[in-house]
N, C-alpha and C. Protein backbone atom coordinates (compact mmCIF):
# COMPACT_ATOMS: atom_id res chain seq x y z
N MET A 1 -21.25 7.27 2.55
CA MET A 1 -21.22 6.10 1.83
C MET A 1 -20.01 6.09 1.04
N SER A 2 -20.44 6.99 -0.09
CA SER A 2 -19.91 6.93 -1.40
C SER A 2 -18.50 7.70 -1.37
N ASN A 3 -18.56 8.36 -0.32
CA ASN A 3 -16.95 9.21 -0.19
C ASN A 3 -15.88 7.74 0.48
N LYS A 4 -16.39 7.28 1.22
CA LYS A 4 -15.32 5.83 1.59
C LYS A 4 -15.65 4.92 0.02
N VAL A 5 -16.32 4.47 -0.20
CA VAL A 5 -15.81 3.84 -1.61
C VAL A 5 -15.02 4.35 -2.49
N LEU A 6 -15.15 5.93 -2.78
CA LEU A 6 -14.27 6.23 -4.08
C LEU A 6 -12.99 6.67 -3.35
N ALA A 7 -12.87 6.64 -1.78
CA ALA A 7 -11.67 6.71 -1.38
C ALA A 7 -10.65 5.61 -1.53
N SER A 8 -11.72 4.69 -1.06
CA SER A 8 -10.89 3.03 -1.03
C SER A 8 -10.38 2.63 -2.45
N ALA A 9 -11.38 3.44 -3.46
CA ALA A 9 -10.67 2.93 -4.58
C ALA A 9 -9.44 3.64 -5.27
N ALA A 10 -9.24 4.61 -4.88
CA ALA A 10 -8.26 5.84 -5.26
C ALA A 10 -7.10 5.20 -4.36
N LEU A 11 -7.21 5.01 -3.17
CA LEU A 11 -5.90 4.28 -2.83
C LEU A 11 -5.61 2.93 -3.36
N ALA A 12 -6.47 1.99 -3.74
CA ALA A 12 -6.33 0.86 -4.61
C ALA A 12 -5.57 1.03 -5.45
N ALA A 13 -5.58 2.02 -6.24
CA ALA A 13 -5.46 2.75 -7.46
C ALA A 13 -3.79 2.87 -7.55
N VAL A 14 -3.92 4.06 -6.59
CA VAL A 14 -2.49 4.25 -6.31
C VAL A 14 -1.32 2.56 -5.43
N ILE A 15 -2.01 2.29 -4.93
CA ILE A 15 -1.09 1.04 -4.88
C ILE A 15 -0.81 0.29 -5.66
N ALA A 16 -1.54 -0.29 -6.67
CA ALA A 16 -1.75 -1.06 -7.94
C ALA A 16 -0.42 0.09 -8.79
N SER A 17 -0.85 0.95 -9.00
CA SER A 17 0.62 2.10 -9.91
C SER A 17 1.77 1.62 -9.25
N GLY A 18 1.82 1.46 -8.17
CA GLY A 18 3.38 1.11 -7.95
C GLY A 18 4.05 2.55 -7.06
N VAL A 19 3.08 3.30 -6.79
CA VAL A 19 3.79 4.58 -6.96
C VAL A 19 4.14 4.29 -4.91
N VAL A 20 3.19 3.34 -4.18
CA VAL A 20 4.09 3.17 -2.65
C VAL A 20 4.59 2.35 -2.90
N ALA A 21 5.73 1.65 -3.70
CA ALA A 21 6.56 0.46 -3.67
C ALA A 21 7.20 0.52 -2.96
N PRO A 22 8.38 1.81 -2.42
CA PRO A 22 8.97 1.64 -1.79
C PRO A 22 9.18 1.40 -0.62
N ALA A 23 7.49 1.96 -0.09
CA ALA A 23 7.14 1.32 1.38
C ALA A 23 6.90 -0.33 1.36
N GLU A 24 6.62 -0.84 0.51
CA GLU A 24 6.13 -2.12 0.25
C GLU A 24 7.25 -3.13 0.40
N ALA A 25 8.30 -2.41 -0.05
CA ALA A 25 9.61 -3.56 -0.32
C ALA A 25 9.96 -4.64 0.17
N GLY A 26 9.61 -3.90 1.68
CA GLY A 26 10.51 -5.78 2.81
C GLY A 26 11.93 -5.84 2.22
N GLY A 27 11.92 -7.25 2.15
CA GLY A 27 13.13 -7.52 1.77
C GLY A 27 12.90 -8.69 0.90
N LYS A 28 12.01 -8.12 -0.04
CA LYS A 28 12.12 -9.29 -1.15
C LYS A 28 11.96 -8.26 -2.66
N LYS A 29 12.71 -6.90 -2.22
CA LYS A 29 12.60 -5.89 -3.42
C LYS A 29 13.94 -5.26 -2.91
N GLU A 30 14.47 -4.85 -4.29
CA GLU A 30 15.74 -3.74 -4.11
C GLU A 30 16.16 -2.80 -4.77
N LYS A 31 16.65 -1.89 -4.30
CA LYS A 31 16.53 -0.51 -5.62
C LYS A 31 17.83 -0.74 -6.82
N CYS A 32 17.85 -0.72 -7.83
CA CYS A 32 18.63 -1.06 -9.00
C CYS A 32 18.50 0.24 -9.46
N TYR A 33 19.80 0.94 -9.80
CA TYR A 33 19.81 1.94 -10.57
C TYR A 33 20.28 1.63 -11.97
N GLY A 34 19.65 2.42 -13.10
CA GLY A 34 19.93 2.25 -14.34
C GLY A 34 18.93 1.65 -15.29
N VAL A 35 18.18 1.20 -14.67
CA VAL A 35 17.31 0.15 -15.41
C VAL A 35 15.75 0.94 -15.50
N ALA A 36 15.60 1.83 -15.07
CA ALA A 36 14.30 2.58 -15.07
C ALA A 36 14.34 3.37 -16.71
N LYS A 37 13.17 3.26 -17.50
CA LYS A 37 12.88 4.36 -18.64
C LYS A 37 12.08 5.20 -17.71
N ALA A 38 12.49 6.59 -18.64
CA ALA A 38 12.25 7.97 -18.67
C ALA A 38 10.84 8.19 -17.83
N GLY A 39 10.66 8.74 -16.62
CA GLY A 39 9.06 8.71 -16.58
C GLY A 39 8.74 7.63 -15.44
N GLN A 40 9.86 6.55 -15.50
CA GLN A 40 9.36 5.47 -14.77
C GLN A 40 10.32 4.84 -13.34
N ASN A 41 10.77 6.15 -13.09
CA ASN A 41 11.67 5.97 -11.80
C ASN A 41 10.75 5.96 -10.34
N ASP A 42 11.50 5.04 -9.05
CA ASP A 42 10.80 4.87 -8.27
C ASP A 42 10.62 5.63 -6.88
N CYS A 43 11.33 6.89 -7.25
CA CYS A 43 12.03 8.03 -6.24
C CYS A 43 13.07 9.13 -6.48
N ALA A 44 13.64 9.52 -5.47
CA ALA A 44 14.96 10.41 -5.97
C ALA A 44 15.81 9.99 -6.20
N ASN A 45 16.41 11.46 -7.63
CA ASN A 45 17.67 10.42 -7.76
C ASN A 45 18.90 10.63 -7.53
N LEU A 46 20.09 10.32 -7.75
CA LEU A 46 21.34 10.43 -6.89
C LEU A 46 21.71 11.79 -6.95
N ALA A 47 21.36 12.68 -8.47
CA ALA A 47 22.05 13.79 -8.66
C ALA A 47 20.98 14.76 -7.74
N GLY A 48 19.99 14.62 -6.92
CA GLY A 48 19.12 15.16 -6.09
C GLY A 48 18.69 16.57 -7.10
N THR A 49 18.04 16.37 -8.44
CA THR A 49 17.49 16.99 -9.11
C THR A 49 16.25 16.96 -9.02
N HIS A 50 15.05 15.70 -8.07
CA HIS A 50 14.28 15.78 -8.11
C HIS A 50 14.00 14.99 -7.27
N SER A 51 12.88 14.83 -6.15
CA SER A 51 12.36 13.54 -4.98
C SER A 51 11.36 13.13 -5.06
N CYS A 52 11.06 13.15 -6.69
CA CYS A 52 9.60 11.91 -6.65
C CYS A 52 9.61 11.11 -7.57
N ALA A 53 8.68 10.12 -7.58
CA ALA A 53 8.56 9.18 -8.46
C ALA A 53 8.30 9.35 -9.79
N GLY A 54 8.66 9.25 -10.68
CA GLY A 54 8.06 9.37 -12.25
C GLY A 54 8.90 10.10 -12.89
N GLN A 55 9.48 11.02 -12.50
CA GLN A 55 10.27 12.26 -13.11
C GLN A 55 11.82 12.48 -13.58
N SER A 56 11.81 11.24 -14.01
CA SER A 56 12.98 10.67 -14.59
C SER A 56 13.38 11.80 -15.67
N ASN A 57 13.79 12.18 -17.11
CA ASN A 57 13.71 12.46 -18.01
C ASN A 57 14.61 11.51 -18.97
N VAL A 58 15.23 10.46 -18.44
CA VAL A 58 16.14 9.76 -19.81
C VAL A 58 16.28 8.34 -19.53
N ASP A 59 15.97 7.45 -20.07
CA ASP A 59 16.06 6.25 -20.03
C ASP A 59 17.21 5.47 -19.53
N TYR A 60 17.56 4.84 -18.69
CA TYR A 60 18.66 4.05 -18.35
C TYR A 60 19.64 4.96 -17.97
N ASP A 61 19.05 6.03 -16.58
CA ASP A 61 20.16 6.84 -16.41
C ASP A 61 20.30 6.41 -15.16
N LYS A 62 21.97 6.07 -14.92
CA LYS A 62 22.69 5.59 -13.87
C LYS A 62 22.19 6.17 -12.43
N GLY A 63 21.31 7.34 -12.39
CA GLY A 63 21.41 8.30 -11.12
C GLY A 63 20.07 7.67 -10.71
N GLU A 64 19.22 7.29 -11.78
CA GLU A 64 17.77 6.58 -11.62
C GLU A 64 17.13 5.67 -10.89
N TRP A 65 16.87 4.64 -9.98
CA TRP A 65 16.69 3.79 -9.65
C TRP A 65 14.89 3.07 -9.78
N LYS A 66 15.43 1.98 -9.92
CA LYS A 66 13.33 0.84 -9.65
C LYS A 66 13.52 0.36 -8.77
N LEU A 67 12.39 -0.18 -7.78
CA LEU A 67 12.34 -1.53 -7.47
C LEU A 67 12.68 -2.71 -8.29
N VAL A 68 13.40 -3.44 -7.98
CA VAL A 68 12.93 -4.81 -8.81
C VAL A 68 13.10 -5.70 -7.95
N GLU A 69 12.88 -7.13 -8.45
CA GLU A 69 13.16 -8.52 -7.22
C GLU A 69 14.52 -8.87 -7.18
N LYS A 70 14.58 -8.99 -5.65
CA LYS A 70 15.61 -8.96 -5.27
C LYS A 70 16.87 -10.22 -5.72
N GLY A 71 18.03 -9.47 -6.01
CA GLY A 71 18.43 -11.18 -6.91
C GLY A 71 18.86 -10.53 -8.73
N THR A 72 17.84 -9.97 -8.65
CA THR A 72 17.81 -9.49 -10.24
C THR A 72 18.24 -8.54 -11.06
N CYS A 73 18.57 -7.72 -10.05
CA CYS A 73 19.30 -6.23 -10.68
C CYS A 73 20.73 -6.34 -11.31
N SER A 74 21.81 -6.85 -11.23
CA SER A 74 22.26 -7.05 -12.12
C SER A 74 22.41 -8.11 -13.04
N LYS A 75 21.15 -8.99 -13.40
CA LYS A 75 21.11 -9.65 -14.33
C LYS A 75 20.20 -8.53 -15.33
N LEU A 76 19.49 -7.76 -14.78
CA LEU A 76 19.34 -6.46 -15.57
C LEU A 76 19.96 -5.71 -16.39
N GLY A 77 21.39 -5.57 -15.92
CA GLY A 77 22.14 -4.87 -16.07
C GLY A 77 22.52 -3.50 -15.33
N GLY A 78 21.77 -3.46 -14.59
CA GLY A 78 21.80 -2.37 -13.12
C GLY A 78 23.20 -2.55 -12.26
N LEU A 79 22.92 -1.53 -11.22
CA LEU A 79 24.39 -1.22 -10.52
C LEU A 79 23.25 -1.04 -8.92
N THR A 80 24.46 -1.53 -8.20
CA THR A 80 23.66 -1.05 -6.22
C THR A 80 23.54 0.44 -6.35
N LYS A 81 23.15 0.71 -5.64
CA LYS A 81 23.66 2.34 -4.95
C LYS A 81 24.59 2.27 -5.12
N LYS A 82 25.89 2.10 -4.16
CA LYS A 82 27.10 1.74 -4.20
C LYS A 82 28.21 2.21 -5.65
N GLU A 83 27.81 1.30 -6.36
CA GLU A 83 27.98 1.05 -7.34
C GLU A 83 27.67 2.34 -8.73
N ALA A 84 26.52 2.69 -8.35
CA ALA A 84 25.69 3.99 -9.00
C ALA A 84 26.65 5.18 -8.82
N LYS A 85 26.67 5.62 -7.26
CA LYS A 85 27.39 6.72 -6.38
C LYS A 85 28.78 6.82 -6.91
N GLU A 86 29.73 5.78 -7.11
CA GLU A 86 30.92 5.50 -8.01
C GLU A 86 30.57 6.44 -8.97
N MET A 87 30.22 5.28 -9.96
CA MET A 87 29.98 5.94 -11.25
C MET A 87 29.59 7.09 -11.73
N TYR A 88 28.59 7.73 -10.98
CA TYR A 88 28.31 9.08 -10.79
C TYR A 88 29.18 10.35 -10.59
N ASN A 89 29.90 9.88 -9.09
CA ASN A 89 31.31 10.84 -8.64
C ASN A 89 32.24 10.34 -9.53
N SER A 90 32.45 10.21 -10.40
CA SER A 90 34.03 9.86 -10.89
C SER A 90 33.26 10.59 -12.10
N LYS A 91 32.32 10.37 -12.96
CA LYS A 91 32.04 10.93 -13.94
C LYS A 91 31.63 12.69 -13.85
N ASN A 92 31.17 13.29 -12.75
CA ASN A 92 31.33 14.84 -12.36
C ASN A 92 32.77 15.23 -11.90
N SER A 93 33.67 14.35 -11.44
CA SER A 93 34.55 15.14 -10.90
C SER A 93 35.37 15.83 -11.88
């Protein structure tokens, strides 16, 4: 019985930490590039140098994204995926 309690508590902690946020996004959140602080990105970056949350090394890297409330990305100074890709591609051309 205690194993079930521990497993439930661990799952609750992971959900609360936001690690599973992309799966929960539904229609209320959107990816916003360039607003995540180092170590606070939600998943893989545009450069393909990592594929996991929390692995960004630079604050506000335009290739890193974070889920934000839908409609708030531009207010935060962020970019859509298309805008971030265009910026990334022009920078690396």
